[in-house]
Amino acid sequence: MAEGTSGPRRSGRGDDTPPASRTLSSPATGRTVTLDDELHSLGFAHAGDSRRGGRQWALEFNRFLTITLHDFSDHMILTWSFRLGDYLLERGWQIGAAETSFQELYPRSDVKLDREIGAVEAEITRVLGTLRLDLGTPNL
């Protein structure tokens, strides 16, 4: 999905250091903190290597929402998927045929980010804001 990426590039440094070796200094502890450490602190787990040469991270935000991050040497790509069919089924609803396993919600475009934890946090906050939906609001 990374090839069809669009959207604003988030602010930050975006250096060329490989993902696993970039380090940051933590003023609180005095120890060196890696980007991997920061992703782990947000709840991301390393999910393997991307087919396009980067490293893939996954955050299971809840039972239905998974946030996926592709970490390349000069940028990151963030996307997400929401198991809409399972969510609706649990509430006694369905869309069309009763088959729920193929009913996933994805963003139209992935988002390209600088390799900075602040950019990842900001994008997650933005995504969560867009997923808030009140089907009973008259303004819908």
C-alpha atoms as a PDB file:
ATOM      1  CA  MET A   1       0.000   0.000   0.000  1.00  0.00           C
ATOM      2  CA  ALA A   2       2.961   2.312   0.472  1.00  0.00           C
ATOM      3  CA  GLU A   3       3.275   3.068  -3.237  1.00  0.00           C
ATOM      4  CA  GLY A   4      -0.102   4.831  -3.326  1.00  0.00           C
ATOM      5  CA  THR A   5       0.761   6.986  -0.367  1.00  0.00           C
ATOM      6  CA  SER A   6      -0.546  10.488  -0.180  1.00  0.00           C
ATOM      7  CA  GLY A   7      -1.225  13.021   2.499  1.00  0.00           C
ATOM      8  CA  PRO A   8       0.923  15.535   4.247  1.00  0.00           C
ATOM      9  CA  ARG A   9       4.413  14.677   5.375  1.00  0.00           C
ATOM     10  CA  ARG A  10       4.565  15.287   9.094  1.00  0.00           C
ATOM     11  CA  SER A  11       7.144  17.641  10.545  1.00  0.00           C
ATOM     12  CA  GLY A  12      10.448  16.327  11.827  1.00  0.00           C
ATOM     13  CA  ARG A  13      13.988  15.463  10.998  1.00  0.00           C
ATOM     14  CA  GLY A  14      13.645  12.386   8.755  1.00  0.00           C
ATOM     15  CA  ASP A  15      17.346  11.417   8.787  1.00  0.00           C
ATOM     16  CA  ASP A  16      18.897   8.624   6.704  1.00  0.00           C
ATOM     17  CA  THR A  17      19.960   6.442   9.641  1.00  0.00           C
ATOM     18  CA  PRO A  18      18.659   2.858   9.378  1.00  0.00           C
ATOM     19  CA  PRO A  19      15.604   2.180  11.584  1.00  0.00           C
ATOM     20  CA  ALA A  20      17.217  -0.110  14.134  1.00  0.00           C
ATOM     21  CA  SER A  21      20.296   2.043  14.696  1.00  0.00           C
ATOM     22  CA  ARG A  22      18.898   5.554  15.092  1.00  0.00           C
ATOM     23  CA  THR A  23      19.152   6.605  18.732  1.00  0.00           C
ATOM     24  CA  LEU A  24      17.949   9.489  20.814  1.00  0.00           C
ATOM     25  CA  SER A  25      19.216  10.737  24.134  1.00  0.00           C
ATOM     26  CA  SER A  26      16.704  10.664  26.973  1.00  0.00           C
ATOM     27  CA  PRO A  27      17.248  13.612  29.345  1.00  0.00           C
ATOM     28  CA  ALA A  28      15.177  11.893  32.053  1.00  0.00           C
ATOM     29  CA  THR A  29      17.331   8.753  32.312  1.00  0.00           C
ATOM     30  CA  GLY A  30      20.552   9.803  30.608  1.00  0.00           C
ATOM     31  CA  ARG A  31      20.488   6.576  28.571  1.00  0.00           C
ATOM     32  CA  THR A  32      20.225   6.260  24.832  1.00  0.00           C
ATOM     33  CA  VAL A  33      16.708   5.566  23.527  1.00  0.00           C
ATOM     34  CA  THR A  34      16.208   3.972  20.119  1.00  0.00           C
ATOM     35  CA  LEU A  35      13.283   4.499  17.793  1.00  0.00           C
ATOM     36  CA  ASP A  36      12.439   0.841  18.476  1.00  0.00           C
ATOM     37  CA  ASP A  37      12.248   1.643  22.209  1.00  0.00           C
ATOM     38  CA  GLU A  38       9.893   4.517  21.501  1.00  0.00           C
ATOM     39  CA  LEU A  39       7.641   2.381  19.298  1.00  0.00           C
ATOM     40  CA  HIS A  40       7.535  -0.314  21.985  1.00  0.00           C
ATOM     41  CA  SER A  41       6.570   2.337  24.555  1.00  0.00           C
ATOM     42  CA  LEU A  42       3.524   3.180  22.402  1.00  0.00           C
ATOM     43  CA  GLY A  43       2.534  -0.497  22.309  1.00  0.00           C
ATOM     44  CA  PHE A  44       3.863  -1.399  18.850  1.00  0.00           C
ATOM     45  CA  ALA A  45       5.333  -4.870  18.345  1.00  0.00           C
ATOM     46  CA  HIS A  46       7.822  -5.704  15.601  1.00  0.00           C
ATOM     47  CA  ALA A  47       5.852  -7.726  13.025  1.00  0.00           C
ATOM     48  CA  GLY A  48       8.629  -8.638  10.585  1.00  0.00           C
ATOM     49  CA  ASP A  49      10.162  -7.199   7.482  1.00  0.00           C
ATOM     50  CA  SER A  50       8.147  -5.332   4.873  1.00  0.00           C
ATOM     51  CA  ARG A  51       8.105  -6.666   1.316  1.00  0.00           C
ATOM     52  CA  ARG A  52       9.415  -3.280   0.221  1.00  0.00           C
ATOM     53  CA  GLY A  53      12.546  -3.393   2.356  1.00  0.00           C
ATOM     54  CA  GLY A  54      11.496  -1.737   5.600  1.00  0.00           C
ATOM     55  CA  ARG A  55      10.496  -3.114   8.958  1.00  0.00           C
ATOM     56  CA  GLN A  56       6.849  -3.581   9.870  1.00  0.00           C
ATOM     57  CA  TRP A  57       5.326  -2.753  13.264  1.00  0.00           C
ATOM     58  CA  ALA A  58       1.794  -3.467  14.496  1.00  0.00           C
ATOM     59  CA  LEU A  59      -0.263  -1.931  17.293  1.00  0.00           C
ATOM     60  CA  GLU A  60      -3.458  -3.763  18.194  1.00  0.00           C
ATOM     61  CA  PHE A  61      -5.281  -0.760  19.567  1.00  0.00           C
ATOM     62  CA  ASN A  62      -8.351  -2.794  20.492  1.00  0.00           C
ATOM     63  CA  ARG A  63     -10.114  -5.996  19.363  1.00  0.00           C
ATOM     64  CA  PHE A  64     -11.079  -4.419  16.035  1.00  0.00           C
ATOM     65  CA  LEU A  65      -8.489  -1.716  15.214  1.00  0.00           C
ATOM     66  CA  THR A  66      -4.907  -2.469  14.160  1.00  0.00           C
ATOM     67  CA  ILE A  67      -2.453   0.301  13.324  1.00  0.00           C
ATOM     68  CA  THR A  68       0.435  -0.745  11.065  1.00  0.00           C
ATOM     69  CA  LEU A  69       3.676   1.149  10.623  1.00  0.00           C
ATOM     70  CA  HIS A  70       6.238   0.476   7.877  1.00  0.00           C
ATOM     71  CA  ASP A  71       9.631   1.843   8.928  1.00  0.00           C
ATOM     72  CA  PHE A  72      12.034   2.589   6.069  1.00  0.00           C
ATOM     73  CA  SER A  73      15.463   4.236   6.274  1.00  0.00           C
ATOM     74  CA  ASP A  74      14.192   7.716   5.410  1.00  0.00           C
ATOM     75  CA  HIS A  75      10.467   7.720   6.311  1.00  0.00           C
ATOM     76  CA  MET A  76       7.609   5.725   7.807  1.00  0.00           C
ATOM     77  CA  ILE A  77       4.225   4.793   6.362  1.00  0.00           C
ATOM     78  CA  LEU A  78       1.263   4.514   8.722  1.00  0.00           C
ATOM     79  CA  THR A  79      -1.975   2.749   7.878  1.00  0.00           C
ATOM     80  CA  TRP A  80      -4.735   1.032   9.818  1.00  0.00           C
ATOM     81  CA  SER A  81      -7.483  -1.535   9.462  1.00  0.00           C
ATOM     82  CA  PHE A  82     -10.750  -1.900  11.352  1.00  0.00           C
ATOM     83  CA  ARG A  83     -12.589  -5.230  11.403  1.00  0.00           C
ATOM     84  CA  LEU A  84     -15.939  -3.641  10.621  1.00  0.00           C
ATOM     85  CA  GLY A  85     -17.763  -6.912   9.922  1.00  0.00           C
ATOM     86  CA  ASP A  86     -16.854  -8.376  13.314  1.00  0.00           C
ATOM     87  CA  TYR A  87     -17.670  -5.087  15.069  1.00  0.00           C
ATOM     88  CA  LEU A  88     -21.138  -4.945  13.496  1.00  0.00           C
ATOM     89  CA  LEU A  89     -21.815  -8.637  14.043  1.00  0.00           C
ATOM     90  CA  GLU A  90     -21.089  -8.247  17.751  1.00  0.00           C
ATOM     91  CA  ARG A  91     -23.797  -5.560  17.862  1.00  0.00           C
ATOM     92  CA  GLY A  92     -26.333  -7.632  15.952  1.00  0.00           C
ATOM     93  CA  TRP A  93     -25.920  -5.743  12.656  1.00  0.00           C
ATOM     94  CA  GLN A  94     -24.629  -6.725   9.233  1.00  0.00           C
ATOM     95  CA  ILE A  95     -23.773  -5.221   5.866  1.00  0.00           C
ATOM     96  CA  GLY A  96     -25.255  -7.113   2.915  1.00  0.00           C
ATOM     97  CA  ALA A  97     -24.602 -10.841   3.074  1.00  0.00           C
ATOM     98  CA  ALA A  98     -23.830 -12.344   6.458  1.00  0.00           C
ATOM     99  CA  GLU A  99     -20.141 -12.956   5.578  1.00  0.00           C
ATOM    100  CA  THR A 100     -18.127 -10.705   7.900  1.00  0.00           C
ATOM    101  CA  SER A 101     -14.562 -11.918   7.369  1.00  0.00           C
ATOM    102  CA  PHE A 102     -14.011  -9.688   4.318  1.00  0.00           C
ATOM    103  CA  GLN A 103     -15.568  -6.539   5.735  1.00  0.00           C
ATOM    104  CA  GLU A 104     -12.623  -4.435   6.830  1.00  0.00           C
ATOM    105  CA  LEU A 105     -12.379  -0.679   6.843  1.00  0.00           C
ATOM    106  CA  TYR A 106      -9.135   0.917   5.617  1.00  0.00           C
ATOM    107  CA  PRO A 107      -8.057   4.500   4.927  1.00  0.00           C
ATOM    108  CA  ARG A 108      -8.204   5.547   1.291  1.00  0.00           C
ATOM    109  CA  SER A 109      -4.528   6.543   1.479  1.00  0.00           C
ATOM    110  CA  ASP A 110      -1.686   5.659   3.800  1.00  0.00           C
ATOM    111  CA  VAL A 111       0.214   8.526   5.437  1.00  0.00           C
ATOM    112  CA  LYS A 112       3.922   9.178   4.983  1.00  0.00           C
ATOM    113  CA  LEU A 113       5.655  10.334   8.174  1.00  0.00           C
ATOM    114  CA  ASP A 114       9.101  11.465   9.158  1.00  0.00           C
ATOM    115  CA  ARG A 115      10.938   8.914  11.297  1.00  0.00           C
ATOM    116  CA  GLU A 116      10.043  10.631  14.535  1.00  0.00           C
ATOM    117  CA  ILE A 117       7.929   9.317  17.399  1.00  0.00           C
ATOM    118  CA  GLY A 118       6.079  12.632  17.717  1.00  0.00           C
ATOM    119  CA  ALA A 119       4.873  12.295  14.123  1.00  0.00           C
ATOM    120  CA  VAL A 120       3.600   8.769  14.854  1.00  0.00           C
ATOM    121  CA  GLU A 121       1.776   9.938  18.001  1.00  0.00           C
ATOM    122  CA  ALA A 122       0.193  12.866  16.167  1.00  0.00           C
ATOM    123  CA  GLU A 123      -1.017  10.666  13.302  1.00  0.00           C
ATOM    124  CA  ILE A 124      -2.506   8.082  15.676  1.00  0.00           C
ATOM    125  CA  THR A 125      -4.368  10.885  17.457  1.00  0.00           C
ATOM    126  CA  ARG A 126      -5.654  12.190  14.110  1.00  0.00           C
ATOM    127  CA  VAL A 127      -6.759   8.697  12.987  1.00  0.00           C
ATOM    128  CA  LEU A 128      -8.603   8.047  16.250  1.00  0.00           C
ATOM    129  CA  GLY A 129     -10.398  11.361  15.858  1.00  0.00           C
ATOM    130  CA  THR A 130     -11.598  10.442  12.367  1.00  0.00           C
ATOM    131  CA  LEU A 131     -12.926   7.080  13.591  1.00  0.00           C
ATOM    132  CA  ARG A 132     -15.303   8.661  16.096  1.00  0.00           C
ATOM    133  CA  LEU A 133     -18.735   8.263  14.567  1.00  0.00           C
ATOM    134  CA  ASP A 134     -22.160   8.775  16.117  1.00  0.00           C
ATOM    135  CA  LEU A 135     -24.694   7.199  13.767  1.00  0.00           C
ATOM    136  CA  GLY A 136     -27.526   8.777  15.736  1.00  0.00           C
ATOM    137  CA  THR A 137     -26.498  12.386  15.300  1.00  0.00           C
ATOM    138  CA  PRO A 138     -28.923  14.496  13.217  1.00  0.00           C
ATOM    139  CA  ASN A 139     -25.963  16.272  11.564  1.00  0.00           C
ATOM    140  CA  LEU A 140     -24.725  13.086   9.870  1.00  0.00           C
END
